[in-house]
């Protein structure tokens, strides 16, 4: 149950905000005495604090903010002020405020901000606590992703080359960055190059560097990416797209730790760890003569396979939550996926994997008309409204929201209003049950069946 503290030197305002934010499953307290508020914020680990900045006392909302964050680093603080200035807003943000609202405030805005603050406060509990176990940017709790995490941990402690295999959009570069960031070379540079995105004639110069005058346009000496990555890691994405001649030079760089810039008569020593990635099976390319066998063996000392999104569907809701959070923050609007739309996401194969999912969420956040993203808002490829369908065929059918409301009402009636039992029957947590009941205007009873 989230713990919320409301602070304002006007008691009526405290009571009004408390009534405004009151909801099943929330524990709200308020303080109109700034000194008492500061004391509570210091000793009690609240999940969220809503405080006026100007409290007409020695203590200010910024003091409440710092105390609350000190007591619970995950606490999200929303500051409200009728005398907002740029300096105060900057100070609030730098102190870690979740949001800053000016008076007179919009009721819907306050409720929306607090909902997001509570979701943010709860998110650390939904993810593994040890950041070293799940590298930044990588999301998932499926068996396939847990295996990837373990392989990253082992690879990070080693020095051998790593080959990452996975379809386009699965997050191979994130895996490479995690290996680098958790390894002995974390303090060194991480340099990435997509071998398939650079013309073959330029890729050699990009990787190994060149001397002035070595080719048209070479107006000065230039270090290659392998030399720039000295002391760190170089990430060779789509390494299977390299030419046979370049593969020979890559093999020498791996085996000898040295390179020769284009047009140079000197050798440059390098100390880099190579992490390569491919979206094709290099063994087949070796068999077909398109990739050198000796280079393949040299690159594949450690092999990490990143599963496609369709093979870890249980991770899709986690990705959706994260992409909604970041896209909504960028767009400055609130959007969430309906249960029916999420079901469509779970059933779609996602050929573009996580990248396609992220781009889809961003488009939906920007262009969906309502706060709730419904099935009809989805692209037709995923299950949204397709062109050429006569809508009159479905005129008499209930909406998905209506079906969901009837189902919830039926379950509540069957269990005589018992909230815990209803949540178990529906396979959801109680917080989700409360949100659904509030959305459909249905009353919930306590565990004894009383209202």
Protein backbone atom coordinates (compact mmCIF):
# COMPACT_ATOMS: atom_id res chain seq x y z
CA UNK A 1 0.00 0.00 0.00
CA UNK A 2 1.66 3.28 -1.10
CA UNK A 3 2.26 5.81 1.69
CA UNK A 4 1.57 9.43 0.70
CA UNK A 5 2.33 12.58 2.69
CA UNK A 6 0.56 15.88 1.90
CA UNK A 7 2.06 19.10 3.23
CA UNK A 8 0.56 22.60 3.16
CA UNK A 9 0.39 25.31 5.83
CA UNK A 10 -3.33 25.62 5.11
CA UNK A 11 -5.23 22.73 6.69
CA UNK A 12 -8.19 23.05 4.31
CA UNK A 13 -5.87 22.71 1.34
CA UNK A 14 -4.35 19.57 2.88
CA UNK A 15 -7.79 18.06 3.34
CA UNK A 16 -8.85 19.00 -0.18
CA UNK A 17 -5.77 17.37 -1.77
CA UNK A 18 -6.21 14.29 0.44
CA UNK A 19 -9.81 13.91 -0.73
CA UNK A 20 -8.72 14.50 -4.31
CA UNK A 21 -6.10 11.73 -4.18
CA UNK A 22 -8.03 9.30 -2.01
CA UNK A 23 -8.31 5.85 -3.61
CA UNK A 24 -8.53 2.22 -2.48
CA UNK A 25 -5.17 0.85 -1.45
CA UNK A 26 -3.60 4.21 -0.58
CA UNK A 27 -2.53 5.43 2.85
CA UNK A 28 -2.73 9.24 2.89
CA UNK A 29 -1.65 11.48 5.76
CA UNK A 30 -1.29 15.25 5.85
CA UNK A 31 0.49 17.85 7.94
CA UNK A 32 -0.22 21.58 8.09
CA UNK A 33 2.58 22.19 10.62
CA UNK A 34 5.84 22.50 8.58
CA UNK A 35 8.02 21.37 11.49
CA UNK A 36 5.90 18.26 12.08
CA UNK A 37 5.91 17.58 8.34
CA UNK A 38 9.69 17.79 8.20
CA UNK A 39 10.01 15.42 11.15
CA UNK A 40 7.68 12.86 9.53
CA UNK A 41 9.42 13.13 6.17
CA UNK A 42 12.75 12.53 7.90
CA UNK A 43 11.75 9.39 9.79
CA UNK A 44 9.04 7.77 7.63
CA UNK A 45 9.86 6.27 4.20
CA UNK A 46 6.98 7.69 2.15
CA UNK A 47 6.42 6.58 -1.45
CA UNK A 48 5.22 10.01 -2.52
CA UNK A 49 5.08 13.50 -1.04
CA UNK A 50 2.95 16.40 -2.30
CA UNK A 51 4.08 19.64 -0.72
CA UNK A 52 3.66 23.37 -1.14
CA UNK A 53 7.03 25.08 -1.52
CA UNK A 54 6.20 28.22 0.47
CA UNK A 55 5.13 27.07 3.93
CA UNK A 56 5.41 30.45 5.72
CA UNK A 57 7.90 28.96 8.15
CA UNK A 58 11.60 28.34 8.54
CA UNK A 59 11.04 25.10 6.66
CA UNK A 60 10.18 25.08 2.96
CA UNK A 61 8.96 22.46 0.54
CA UNK A 62 12.55 22.04 -0.62
CA UNK A 63 13.51 20.99 2.93
CA UNK A 64 10.65 18.47 2.88
CA UNK A 65 11.89 17.22 -0.49
CA UNK A 66 15.45 16.61 0.71
CA UNK A 67 14.28 14.93 3.91
CA UNK A 68 11.90 12.61 2.05
CA UNK A 69 14.53 11.61 -0.51
CA UNK A 70 17.00 10.99 2.31
CA UNK A 71 14.54 8.69 4.12
CA UNK A 72 13.62 6.82 0.91
CA UNK A 73 15.61 7.40 -2.28
CA UNK A 74 12.70 6.03 -4.33
CA UNK A 75 10.25 8.56 -2.88
CA UNK A 76 8.80 10.84 -5.55
CA UNK A 77 8.11 14.43 -4.50
CA UNK A 78 5.66 16.76 -6.24
CA UNK A 79 6.06 20.42 -5.32
CA UNK A 80 3.27 22.99 -5.64
CA UNK A 81 3.78 26.75 -5.55
CA UNK A 82 1.75 29.90 -6.06
CA UNK A 83 4.94 31.94 -6.34
CA UNK A 84 6.96 29.88 -8.78
CA UNK A 85 10.16 31.26 -10.26
CA UNK A 86 12.68 29.84 -12.68
CA UNK A 87 15.32 29.68 -9.96
CA UNK A 88 13.00 27.82 -7.59
CA UNK A 89 11.98 25.39 -10.32
CA UNK A 90 15.62 24.68 -11.22
CA UNK A 91 16.52 24.16 -7.56
CA UNK A 92 13.56 21.79 -7.15
CA UNK A 93 14.56 19.72 -10.17
CA UNK A 94 18.20 19.59 -9.10
CA UNK A 95 17.11 18.42 -5.65
CA UNK A 96 15.25 15.53 -7.26
CA UNK A 97 11.64 16.71 -7.49
CA UNK A 98 9.45 14.48 -9.62
CA UNK A 99 7.39 17.41 -10.85
CA UNK A 100 6.72 21.07 -10.15
CA UNK A 101 3.15 22.43 -10.35
CA UNK A 102 2.05 26.04 -10.07
CA UNK A 103 -1.10 27.30 -8.35
CA UNK A 104 -3.92 27.43 -9.14
CA UNK A 105 -3.52 23.84 -10.20
CA UNK A 106 -5.66 21.73 -12.47
CA UNK A 107 -7.30 18.85 -10.56
CA UNK A 108 -6.86 16.37 -13.41
CA UNK A 109 -3.22 17.41 -13.76
CA UNK A 110 -2.49 16.82 -10.08
CA UNK A 111 -4.14 13.39 -10.14
CA UNK A 112 -2.23 12.42 -13.29
CA UNK A 113 1.11 13.60 -11.90
CA UNK A 114 0.61 11.72 -8.62
CA UNK A 115 -0.36 8.53 -10.51
CA UNK A 116 2.88 8.74 -12.46
CA UNK A 117 4.87 9.53 -9.33
CA UNK A 118 3.49 6.46 -7.56
CA UNK A 119 4.25 4.30 -10.59
CA UNK A 120 7.81 5.62 -10.62
CA UNK A 121 8.20 5.03 -6.88
CA UNK A 122 6.98 1.45 -7.30
CA UNK A 123 9.14 0.61 -10.31
CA UNK A 124 12.33 -0.21 -8.34
CA UNK A 125 10.36 -2.93 -6.55
CA UNK A 126 9.34 -4.43 -9.90
CA UNK A 127 12.89 -4.80 -11.12
CA UNK A 128 15.91 -6.68 -9.72
CA UNK A 129 17.57 -4.64 -6.99
CA UNK A 130 21.16 -5.33 -8.00
CA UNK A 131 21.89 -3.19 -11.04
CA UNK A 132 24.87 -5.39 -11.86
CA UNK A 133 22.56 -8.31 -12.54
CA UNK A 134 20.53 -6.52 -15.20
CA UNK A 135 22.56 -4.08 -17.33
CA UNK A 136 21.08 -0.67 -18.06
CA UNK A 137 18.79 -0.70 -21.06
CA UNK A 138 18.22 -4.44 -21.08
CA UNK A 139 14.74 -5.46 -19.97
CA UNK A 140 13.31 -8.89 -19.30
CA UNK A 141 12.73 -11.60 -16.73
CA UNK A 142 12.18 -14.50 -19.13
CA UNK A 143 14.44 -17.55 -18.99
CA UNK A 144 16.05 -16.49 -22.28
CA UNK A 145 16.99 -13.04 -20.99
CA UNK A 146 18.19 -14.34 -17.63
CA UNK A 147 20.53 -16.60 -19.57
CA UNK A 148 21.79 -13.57 -21.51
CA UNK A 149 22.43 -11.73 -18.24
CA UNK A 150 24.48 -14.62 -16.87
CA UNK A 151 26.53 -14.82 -20.06
CA UNK A 152 27.17 -11.08 -19.91
CA UNK A 153 28.43 -11.46 -16.34
CA UNK A 154 30.86 -14.17 -17.37
CA UNK A 155 31.98 -12.36 -20.52
CA UNK A 156 32.53 -9.08 -18.66
CA UNK A 157 35.11 -10.71 -16.39
CA UNK A 158 37.01 -12.21 -19.33
CA UNK A 159 39.19 -10.62 -22.01
CA UNK A 160 38.38 -12.85 -24.98
CA UNK A 161 36.45 -11.64 -28.05
CA UNK A 162 32.67 -12.02 -27.91
CA UNK A 163 30.27 -12.78 -30.75
CA UNK A 164 26.66 -11.68 -30.21
CA UNK A 165 24.08 -13.36 -32.43
CA UNK A 166 20.53 -12.11 -32.76
CA UNK A 167 17.94 -10.80 -35.15
CA UNK A 168 17.83 -7.13 -36.05
CA UNK A 169 16.32 -5.06 -33.26
CA UNK A 170 16.93 -7.48 -30.40
CA UNK A 171 19.40 -5.19 -28.59
CA UNK A 172 22.79 -6.59 -29.53
CA UNK A 173 24.52 -3.25 -29.00
CA UNK A 174 22.99 -2.98 -25.52
CA UNK A 175 24.53 -6.37 -24.72
CA UNK A 176 27.90 -5.15 -26.01
CA UNK A 177 27.69 -1.98 -23.90
CA UNK A 178 26.79 -4.06 -20.85
CA UNK A 179 29.83 -6.29 -21.35
CA UNK A 180 32.03 -3.23 -21.64
CA UNK A 181 30.40 -1.33 -18.77
CA UNK A 182 30.65 -4.23 -16.32
CA UNK A 183 34.14 -5.32 -17.34
CA UNK A 184 37.70 -4.29 -16.56
CA UNK A 185 37.73 -1.81 -19.46
CA UNK A 186 34.70 0.18 -18.30
CA UNK A 187 36.82 3.30 -17.81
CA UNK A 188 38.04 3.08 -21.41
CA UNK A 189 36.20 4.13 -24.57
CA UNK A 190 33.37 2.14 -26.17
CA UNK A 191 33.49 2.62 -29.94
CA UNK A 192 30.79 1.18 -32.21
CA UNK A 193 30.67 0.78 -35.98
CA UNK A 194 28.02 -0.79 -38.19
CA UNK A 195 30.02 -2.65 -40.80
CA UNK A 196 26.96 -3.06 -43.01
CA UNK A 197 26.14 0.66 -43.09
CA UNK A 198 29.49 1.90 -44.46
CA UNK A 199 30.65 1.47 -48.04
CA UNK A 200 33.34 -1.19 -48.38
CA UNK A 201 35.80 1.34 -49.80
CA UNK A 202 35.45 3.52 -46.70
CA UNK A 203 35.17 0.85 -44.00
CA UNK A 204 38.89 0.03 -44.04
CA UNK A 205 39.75 3.68 -43.47
CA UNK A 206 37.11 3.94 -40.73
CA UNK A 207 38.51 0.95 -38.86
CA UNK A 208 42.25 1.31 -39.40
CA UNK A 209 42.67 5.02 -40.09
CA UNK A 210 44.52 6.63 -42.97
CA UNK A 211 47.40 8.92 -43.84
CA UNK A 212 47.07 12.27 -45.54
CA UNK A 213 46.97 11.89 -49.33
CA UNK A 214 46.38 8.12 -49.24
CA UNK A 215 43.19 8.61 -51.29
CA UNK A 216 41.08 11.42 -52.70
CA UNK A 217 39.63 13.42 -49.82
CA UNK A 218 42.25 12.31 -47.27
CA UNK A 219 43.35 15.87 -46.42
CA UNK A 220 44.82 14.92 -43.04
CA UNK A 221 45.97 11.94 -41.02
CA UNK A 222 43.09 10.24 -39.21
CA UNK A 223 42.96 7.66 -36.45
CA UNK A 224 40.80 4.64 -37.13
CA UNK A 225 38.13 3.39 -34.76
CA UNK A 226 40.32 0.51 -33.57
CA UNK A 227 42.98 2.99 -32.48
CA UNK A 228 40.37 5.30 -30.94
CA UNK A 229 39.15 2.37 -28.85
CA UNK A 230 42.63 1.77 -27.38
CA UNK A 231 42.23 0.66 -23.76
CA UNK A 232 38.53 0.00 -24.26
CA UNK A 233 36.14 -1.94 -26.47
CA UNK A 234 35.30 -1.81 -30.16
CA UNK A 235 31.89 -3.08 -31.22
CA UNK A 236 31.71 -4.43 -34.77
CA UNK A 237 28.03 -4.65 -35.63
CA UNK A 238 27.04 -6.80 -38.63
CA UNK A 239 30.58 -8.10 -38.93
CA UNK A 240 29.35 -10.65 -41.48
CA UNK A 241 29.02 -7.83 -44.03
CA UNK A 242 32.78 -7.26 -44.25
CA UNK A 243 34.76 -8.16 -47.37
CA UNK A 244 37.30 -11.00 -47.56
CA UNK A 245 40.21 -8.54 -47.73
CA UNK A 246 39.04 -6.65 -44.66
CA UNK A 247 38.52 -9.91 -42.77
CA UNK A 248 42.23 -10.68 -43.21
CA UNK A 249 43.17 -7.35 -41.64
CA UNK A 250 40.71 -7.84 -38.80
CA UNK A 251 42.20 -11.24 -38.05
CA UNK A 252 45.68 -9.74 -37.86
CA UNK A 253 44.47 -6.98 -35.56
CA UNK A 254 42.94 -9.59 -33.25
CA UNK A 255 45.91 -11.95 -33.24
CA UNK A 256 48.79 -9.48 -33.25
CA UNK A 257 47.26 -6.45 -31.56
CA UNK A 258 48.46 -4.17 -34.32
CA UNK A 259 47.08 -2.34 -37.35
CA UNK A 260 48.43 -0.51 -40.39
CA UNK A 261 46.56 2.67 -41.37
CA UNK A 262 45.69 3.07 -45.05
CA UNK A 263 48.67 4.57 -46.88
CA UNK A 264 51.04 4.16 -43.92
CA UNK A 265 54.35 2.32 -43.79
CA UNK A 266 54.23 1.98 -40.02
CA UNK A 267 52.51 -0.36 -37.56
CA UNK A 268 50.32 0.93 -34.75
CA UNK A 269 49.99 -1.16 -31.60
CA UNK A 270 46.50 -1.34 -30.15
CA UNK A 271 44.99 -2.75 -26.98
CA UNK A 272 41.29 -3.28 -27.59
CA UNK A 273 38.69 -5.85 -26.78
CA UNK A 274 36.58 -6.82 -29.78
CA UNK A 275 32.87 -7.52 -29.43
CA UNK A 276 31.21 -8.42 -32.74
CA UNK A 277 27.58 -8.94 -33.66
CA UNK A 278 25.65 -10.48 -36.52
CA UNK A 279 22.05 -11.15 -37.47
CA UNK A 280 23.00 -14.15 -39.60
CA UNK A 281 24.52 -17.51 -38.76
CA UNK A 282 28.22 -17.03 -39.50
CA UNK A 283 28.75 -20.80 -39.63
CA UNK A 284 26.59 -20.89 -42.75
CA UNK A 285 28.51 -17.95 -44.19
CA UNK A 286 31.75 -19.85 -43.53
CA UNK A 287 30.36 -22.94 -45.28
CA UNK A 288 29.34 -20.78 -48.25
CA UNK A 289 32.79 -19.18 -48.43
CA UNK A 290 31.57 -15.69 -47.54
CA UNK A 291 33.33 -15.50 -44.18
CA UNK A 292 36.80 -16.66 -43.15
CA UNK A 293 36.74 -19.68 -40.90
CA UNK A 294 39.81 -18.59 -38.91
CA UNK A 295 38.27 -15.18 -38.19
CA UNK A 296 35.00 -16.84 -37.16
CA UNK A 297 36.82 -19.06 -34.66
CA UNK A 298 38.74 -16.04 -33.35
CA UNK A 299 35.59 -13.96 -32.85
CA UNK A 300 33.46 -16.71 -31.36
CA UNK A 301 35.49 -17.55 -28.26
CA UNK A 302 32.41 -16.44 -26.31
CA UNK A 303 29.03 -16.60 -28.06
CA UNK A 304 25.89 -14.89 -26.71
CA UNK A 305 22.56 -15.45 -28.44
CA UNK A 306 19.92 -12.80 -27.87
CA UNK A 307 16.42 -14.32 -28.20
CA UNK A 308 13.85 -12.63 -30.45
CA UNK A 309 10.94 -10.93 -28.77
CA UNK A 310 8.45 -13.55 -29.99
CA UNK A 311 10.33 -16.19 -27.96
CA UNK A 312 10.02 -14.20 -24.73
CA UNK A 313 6.50 -12.85 -24.83
CA UNK A 314 6.33 -12.56 -21.03
CA UNK A 315 8.81 -9.69 -21.35
CA UNK A 316 6.56 -7.67 -23.68
CA UNK A 317 4.56 -5.97 -20.86
CA UNK A 318 7.83 -4.87 -19.23
CA UNK A 319 9.01 -3.31 -22.49
CA UNK A 320 5.62 -1.69 -23.02
CA UNK A 321 5.70 -0.10 -19.55
CA UNK A 322 9.21 1.23 -20.07
CA UNK A 323 8.59 2.59 -23.56
CA UNK A 324 5.30 4.17 -22.50
CA UNK A 325 7.07 5.86 -19.59
CA UNK A 326 9.87 7.30 -21.72
CA UNK A 327 7.66 8.22 -24.71
CA UNK A 328 5.06 9.90 -22.51
CA UNK A 329 7.78 11.85 -20.72
CA UNK A 330 9.18 13.08 -24.04
CA UNK A 331 5.75 13.93 -25.45
CA UNK A 332 4.46 15.49 -22.23
CA UNK A 333 1.27 13.43 -22.24
CA UNK A 334 -0.24 10.44 -20.46
CA UNK A 335 -1.09 7.26 -22.35
CA UNK A 336 -1.61 3.66 -21.35
CA UNK A 337 -2.49 0.45 -23.16
CA UNK A 338 -5.88 -1.19 -22.71
CA UNK A 339 -5.92 -4.85 -21.73
CA UNK A 340 -7.25 -5.79 -25.17
CA UNK A 341 -4.52 -3.80 -26.95
CA UNK A 342 -1.86 -5.44 -24.79
CA UNK A 343 -3.29 -8.83 -25.73
CA UNK A 344 -2.80 -7.90 -29.39
CA UNK A 345 0.80 -6.99 -28.61
CA UNK A 346 1.32 -10.37 -26.94
CA UNK A 347 -0.06 -12.22 -29.97
CA UNK A 348 1.94 -10.28 -32.59
CA UNK A 349 5.23 -11.79 -33.79
CA UNK A 350 7.26 -8.54 -33.79
CA UNK A 351 9.57 -9.23 -36.76
CA UNK A 352 11.46 -6.04 -35.92
CA UNK A 353 11.75 -7.13 -32.29
CA UNK A 354 12.29 -4.61 -29.48
CA UNK A 355 13.13 -1.79 -31.88
CA UNK A 356 9.80 -2.24 -33.68
CA UNK A 357 7.96 -2.33 -30.34
CA UNK A 358 9.63 0.87 -29.18
CA UNK A 359 8.84 2.70 -32.43
CA UNK A 360 5.23 1.46 -32.33
CA UNK A 361 4.73 2.72 -28.77
CA UNK A 362 6.21 6.10 -29.64
CA UNK A 363 3.83 6.51 -32.60
CA UNK A 364 0.84 5.48 -30.49
CA UNK A 365 1.74 7.96 -27.75
CA UNK A 366 1.99 10.76 -30.32
CA UNK A 367 -1.10 10.00 -32.37
CA UNK A 368 -3.62 8.12 -30.20
CA UNK A 369 -6.54 10.47 -29.45
CA UNK A 370 -7.41 9.22 -25.96
CA UNK A 371 -5.56 8.50 -22.76
CA UNK A 372 -6.26 4.79 -23.20
CA UNK A 373 -4.71 3.24 -26.32
CA UNK A 374 -7.37 0.91 -27.69
CA UNK A 375 -7.23 -1.89 -30.26
CA UNK A 376 -8.61 0.46 -32.91
CA UNK A 377 -5.59 2.74 -32.45
CA UNK A 378 -3.11 -0.02 -33.30
CA UNK A 379 -1.56 -0.45 -36.74
CA UNK A 380 -3.49 -2.95 -38.87
CA UNK A 381 -0.42 -5.24 -38.93
CA UNK A 382 -0.78 -5.73 -35.18
CA UNK A 383 -4.56 -6.04 -35.10
CA UNK A 384 -5.92 -2.53 -35.34
CA UNK A 385 -8.59 -1.29 -37.70
CA UNK A 386 -7.87 -2.47 -41.23
CA UNK A 387 -8.97 -0.59 -44.34
CA UNK A 388 -11.93 -1.84 -46.34
CA UNK A 389 -13.86 -3.41 -43.44
CA UNK A 390 -17.56 -2.55 -43.18
CA UNK A 391 -17.96 -1.29 -39.60
CA UNK A 392 -21.73 -1.98 -39.77
CA UNK A 393 -20.93 -5.68 -39.40
CA UNK A 394 -19.88 -4.97 -35.81
CA UNK A 395 -22.48 -2.35 -34.90
CA UNK A 396 -24.39 -4.60 -32.49
CA UNK A 397 -21.37 -6.04 -30.75
CA UNK A 398 -20.35 -4.74 -27.30
CA UNK A 399 -17.10 -2.85 -26.98
CA UNK A 400 -14.09 -4.50 -25.36
CA UNK A 401 -14.45 -2.09 -22.44
CA UNK A 402 -18.05 -3.21 -21.98
CA UNK A 403 -17.03 -6.87 -22.08
CA UNK A 404 -14.28 -6.16 -19.54
CA UNK A 405 -16.76 -4.30 -17.28
CA UNK A 406 -19.28 -7.15 -17.45
CA UNK A 407 -16.58 -9.70 -16.69
CA UNK A 408 -15.36 -7.74 -13.66
CA UNK A 409 -18.93 -7.32 -12.38
CA UNK A 410 -19.57 -11.05 -12.85
CA UNK A 411 -16.42 -12.03 -10.93
CA UNK A 412 -17.16 -9.62 -8.08
CA UNK A 413 -20.69 -10.95 -7.84
CA UNK A 414 -19.48 -14.58 -7.86
CA UNK A 415 -17.01 -14.01 -5.00
CA UNK A 416 -19.47 -11.79 -3.10
CA UNK A 417 -17.24 -8.76 -3.53
CA UNK A 418 -14.14 -10.27 -1.90
CA UNK A 419 -11.29 -8.23 -3.39
CA UNK A 420 -8.49 -10.72 -2.79
CA UNK A 421 -10.46 -13.59 -4.27
CA UNK A 422 -11.55 -11.50 -7.28
CA UNK A 423 -7.95 -10.58 -8.05
CA UNK A 424 -6.92 -14.25 -7.82
CA UNK A 425 -9.72 -15.36 -10.15
CA UNK A 426 -8.83 -12.72 -12.73
CA UNK A 427 -5.08 -13.32 -12.46
CA UNK A 428 -4.24 -9.71 -11.62
CA UNK A 429 -2.91 -7.90 -8.56
CA UNK A 430 -5.20 -5.95 -6.25
CA UNK A 431 -3.93 -2.57 -7.41
CA UNK A 432 -4.98 -3.40 -10.98
CA UNK A 433 -8.34 -4.57 -9.64
CA UNK A 434 -8.84 -1.23 -7.88
CA UNK A 435 -8.01 0.70 -11.04
CA UNK A 436 -10.43 -1.39 -13.10
CA UNK A 437 -13.22 -0.95 -10.56
CA UNK A 438 -12.65 2.80 -10.44
CA UNK A 439 -12.63 3.04 -14.24
CA UNK A 440 -15.95 1.19 -14.54
CA UNK A 441 -17.57 2.80 -11.47
CA UNK A 442 -17.93 -0.50 -9.58
CA UNK A 443 -17.88 -0.62 -5.77
CA UNK A 444 -15.41 -2.88 -3.97
CA UNK A 445 -15.97 -4.46 -0.57
CA UNK A 446 -13.46 -5.43 2.09
CA UNK A 447 -12.32 -8.99 2.76
CA UNK A 448 -15.42 -9.74 4.82
CA UNK A 449 -17.67 -8.71 1.96
CA UNK A 450 -18.69 -5.38 3.56
CA UNK A 451 -18.67 -2.18 1.45
